[in-house]
Protein backbone atom coordinates (compact mmCIF):
# COMPACT_ATOMS: atom_id res chain seq x y z
CA MET A 1 102.87 81.04 120.36
CA ILE A 2 100.46 81.66 117.46
CA SER A 3 96.80 81.10 116.81
CA THR A 4 95.35 80.93 113.35
CA GLY A 5 92.05 81.61 111.70
CA LYS A 6 90.76 81.88 108.19
CA GLN A 7 88.71 84.45 106.35
CA ASP A 8 87.76 83.23 102.90
CA ARG A 9 91.04 81.83 101.51
CA ILE A 10 93.26 84.01 103.69
CA ASP A 11 95.07 82.55 106.71
CA ILE A 12 95.21 84.96 109.63
CA ILE A 13 98.15 84.38 111.95
CA ASN A 14 97.90 86.00 115.38
CA ILE A 15 100.99 86.23 117.56
CA ASN A 16 100.21 85.43 121.17
CA SER A 17 103.16 87.28 122.63
CA ASP A 18 104.12 90.89 123.19
CA ARG A 19 107.68 90.27 121.93
CA ILE A 20 109.48 88.73 119.02
CA ASP A 21 113.04 88.31 120.16
CA ALA A 22 115.90 85.84 120.34
CA LEU A 23 113.97 83.69 122.81
CA THR A 24 110.80 83.43 120.71
CA ALA A 25 111.83 83.94 117.09
CA GLU A 26 112.86 80.39 116.17
CA ASN A 27 109.66 78.78 117.48
CA LEU A 28 107.59 81.52 115.89
CA LYS A 29 109.32 81.03 112.53
CA ARG A 30 108.68 77.28 112.66
CA GLU A 31 104.98 77.71 113.54
CA ILE A 32 104.37 80.33 110.85
CA ALA A 33 106.27 78.25 108.26
CA ARG A 34 103.79 75.42 108.86
CA VAL A 35 100.91 77.73 107.92
CA LEU A 36 102.76 78.92 104.80
CA ASP A 37 103.87 75.43 103.71
CA LYS A 38 101.44 75.05 100.83
CA ALA A 39 101.24 76.24 97.25
CA HIS A 40 100.21 79.87 96.83
CA PRO A 41 99.60 80.74 100.49
CA MET A 42 97.74 83.95 101.23
CA ALA A 43 98.28 85.06 104.80
CA VAL A 44 98.19 87.98 107.17
CA LEU A 45 100.52 88.24 110.13
CA ASN A 46 98.61 90.19 112.74
CA LEU A 47 101.12 92.18 114.82
CA GLN A 48 98.53 93.63 117.19
CA GLY A 49 99.81 93.41 120.75
CA VAL A 50 103.46 92.92 119.74
CA ASP A 51 105.27 95.78 121.47
CA TYR A 52 108.87 94.80 120.85
CA ILE A 53 110.85 93.16 118.05
CA ASP A 54 114.62 92.77 118.21
CA SER A 55 117.04 92.06 115.36
CA THR A 56 116.44 88.30 115.60
CA GLY A 57 112.70 88.97 115.41
CA PHE A 58 113.08 91.10 112.30
CA GLY A 59 115.18 88.29 110.80
CA CYS A 60 112.30 85.93 111.59
CA LEU A 61 109.82 88.20 109.81
CA LEU A 62 112.08 88.38 106.75
CA ALA A 63 112.44 84.58 106.74
CA VAL A 64 108.70 83.88 106.86
CA HIS A 65 108.05 86.55 104.23
CA LYS A 66 110.59 84.81 101.97
CA ALA A 67 109.01 81.41 102.73
CA ALA A 68 105.66 82.69 101.48
CA LYS A 69 107.24 84.07 98.30
CA ASP A 70 109.15 80.81 97.74
CA ASN A 71 105.76 79.05 97.65
CA TYR A 72 104.43 81.67 95.21
CA GLY A 73 102.32 83.22 97.92
CA VAL A 74 101.80 86.45 99.79
CA LEU A 75 102.32 87.35 103.42
CA LYS A 76 101.08 90.78 104.51
CA PHE A 77 101.38 92.46 107.89
CA ALA A 78 98.58 94.08 109.87
CA SER A 79 98.06 96.23 112.94
CA PRO A 80 101.60 96.94 114.11
CA GLU A 81 101.83 98.75 117.41
CA LYS A 82 103.34 102.25 117.29
CA LYS A 83 106.89 101.27 118.39
CA VAL A 84 106.98 98.32 116.00
CA SER A 85 105.66 100.44 113.14
CA GLU A 86 108.37 103.04 113.79
CA SER A 87 111.04 100.33 113.82
CA LEU A 88 109.77 98.88 110.54
CA HIS A 89 110.04 102.33 108.95
CA ILE A 90 113.48 103.08 110.42
CA LEU A 91 114.76 99.77 109.02
CA ASN A 92 113.02 100.48 105.67
CA LEU A 93 111.16 97.18 106.00
CA ASN A 94 108.02 99.05 104.95
CA THR A 95 109.53 98.87 101.45
CA VAL A 96 109.84 95.07 101.74
CA PHE A 97 106.60 94.19 103.54
CA GLU A 98 103.05 95.24 102.77
CA ILE A 99 101.94 96.73 106.09
CA PHE A 100 98.41 97.85 106.92
CA GLU A 101 97.09 99.84 109.88
CA SER A 102 94.20 97.42 110.48
CA LEU A 103 93.43 93.78 109.95
CA ASP A 104 90.31 94.65 107.93
CA ASP A 105 92.29 96.90 105.55
CA CYS A 106 94.86 94.17 105.11
CA ILE A 107 92.25 91.51 104.30
CA ARG A 108 90.51 93.86 101.86
CA SER A 109 93.82 94.45 100.06
CA PHE A 110 93.79 90.86 98.80
CA ASN A 111 90.71 91.70 96.71
CA SER A 112 92.22 94.84 95.17
């Protein structure tokens, strides 16, 4: 469901699905939590290619964001597709999450 990479000390989590919904959210949350299960994680959740997120999916994103904070870390979001970006803004989640248009901008933000 996910693939991971690393750039410097930053974990990059790529979602290998076009949807985050009731059928995929629990597995996704578990897989991402494994990446974040360390002290002071620094990670990017790359949303490129994710065209649809339902309420369960947004709950999943909130849960993994909280998991990172609970470990004194940071989880940022990159490259949301247009529909997902609009949904994040409608739900005011852009005030909760740090969201960047591109993966490169997101990675650079860790050095700011």
